[in-house]
């Protein structure tokens, strides 16, 4: 039976987009990583912390996002 739990909303900020890129770099999705974290936090049998991407993946995703946002706003990218 598919998961029928209704979606929940939380406020995270721009890190949400970096988190998406990081999860995808490991071949997974944010929701899967969150479920794994919750299972670990609740000390479910067999649960372990999910793998984390290299920091460079996160920094590259953040830079790409910031450059895209700056381009949309008509401002020069950060660092220029």
Protein backbone atom coordinates (compact mmCIF):
# COMPACT_ATOMS: atom_id res chain seq x y z
CA UNK A 1 0.00 0.00 0.00
CA UNK A 2 1.41 3.42 -0.87
CA UNK A 3 2.24 5.96 1.79
CA UNK A 4 -1.00 7.82 2.61
CA UNK A 5 0.42 10.19 5.20
CA UNK A 6 -0.64 13.73 4.31
CA UNK A 7 2.22 16.10 3.43
CA UNK A 8 3.52 18.36 6.18
CA UNK A 9 4.88 21.85 5.74
CA UNK A 10 7.94 23.25 7.47
CA UNK A 11 10.01 26.36 6.78
CA UNK A 12 13.63 25.67 5.96
CA UNK A 13 14.93 28.47 3.73
CA UNK A 14 17.30 28.41 0.79
CA UNK A 15 19.14 25.39 2.18
CA UNK A 16 16.18 23.36 0.88
CA UNK A 17 17.43 23.81 -2.68
CA UNK A 18 21.00 22.91 -1.75
CA UNK A 19 19.63 19.86 0.07
CA UNK A 20 17.84 18.79 -3.13
CA UNK A 21 21.04 18.99 -5.18
CA UNK A 22 22.97 17.14 -2.48
CA UNK A 23 20.40 14.33 -2.28
CA UNK A 24 20.28 13.99 -6.07
CA UNK A 25 24.07 13.80 -6.21
CA UNK A 26 23.78 10.61 -4.15
CA UNK A 27 21.00 9.21 -6.31
CA UNK A 28 18.20 9.80 -3.81
CA UNK A 29 15.54 12.37 -2.90
CA UNK A 30 15.10 14.78 -0.01
CA UNK A 31 12.08 12.88 1.30
CA UNK A 32 14.06 9.64 1.49
CA UNK A 33 16.90 11.33 3.39
CA UNK A 34 14.42 12.93 5.81
CA UNK A 35 12.71 9.61 6.47
CA UNK A 36 16.11 8.00 7.13
CA UNK A 37 17.02 10.79 9.54
CA UNK A 38 13.72 10.42 11.38
CA UNK A 39 14.13 6.65 11.68
CA UNK A 40 17.66 7.13 13.04
CA UNK A 41 16.51 9.85 15.46
CA UNK A 42 13.75 7.58 16.76
CA UNK A 43 16.28 4.77 17.19
CA UNK A 44 14.33 2.43 14.97
CA UNK A 45 15.95 -1.01 14.73
CA UNK A 46 18.46 -1.12 11.88
CA UNK A 47 18.25 2.61 11.17
CA UNK A 48 21.44 4.49 10.47
CA UNK A 49 22.39 7.96 9.39
CA UNK A 50 22.11 8.48 5.63
CA UNK A 51 25.21 9.09 3.54
CA UNK A 52 26.28 12.70 3.09
CA UNK A 53 27.65 14.25 -0.08
CA UNK A 54 31.06 15.87 -0.32
CA UNK A 55 30.99 19.50 0.81
CA UNK A 56 32.03 20.58 -2.69
CA UNK A 57 28.70 19.31 -4.07
CA UNK A 58 26.79 21.53 -1.65
CA UNK A 59 28.97 24.57 -2.33
CA UNK A 60 28.64 24.13 -6.11
CA UNK A 61 24.86 23.80 -5.84
CA UNK A 62 24.65 26.89 -3.66
CA UNK A 63 26.81 28.93 -6.02
CA UNK A 64 24.74 27.87 -9.04
CA UNK A 65 21.52 28.77 -7.24
CA UNK A 66 22.85 32.16 -6.14
CA UNK A 67 24.08 32.94 -9.66
CA UNK A 68 20.70 32.00 -11.11
CA UNK A 69 18.89 34.17 -8.57
CA UNK A 70 21.24 37.08 -9.25
CA UNK A 71 20.68 36.71 -12.98
CA UNK A 72 16.92 36.81 -12.51
CA UNK A 73 17.21 39.91 -10.36
CA UNK A 74 19.52 41.60 -12.87
CA UNK A 75 22.32 41.85 -10.33
CA UNK A 76 25.88 40.67 -10.95
CA UNK A 77 26.70 37.23 -9.47
CA UNK A 78 28.23 37.14 -6.00
CA UNK A 79 31.98 37.70 -5.98
CA UNK A 80 32.01 39.98 -9.02
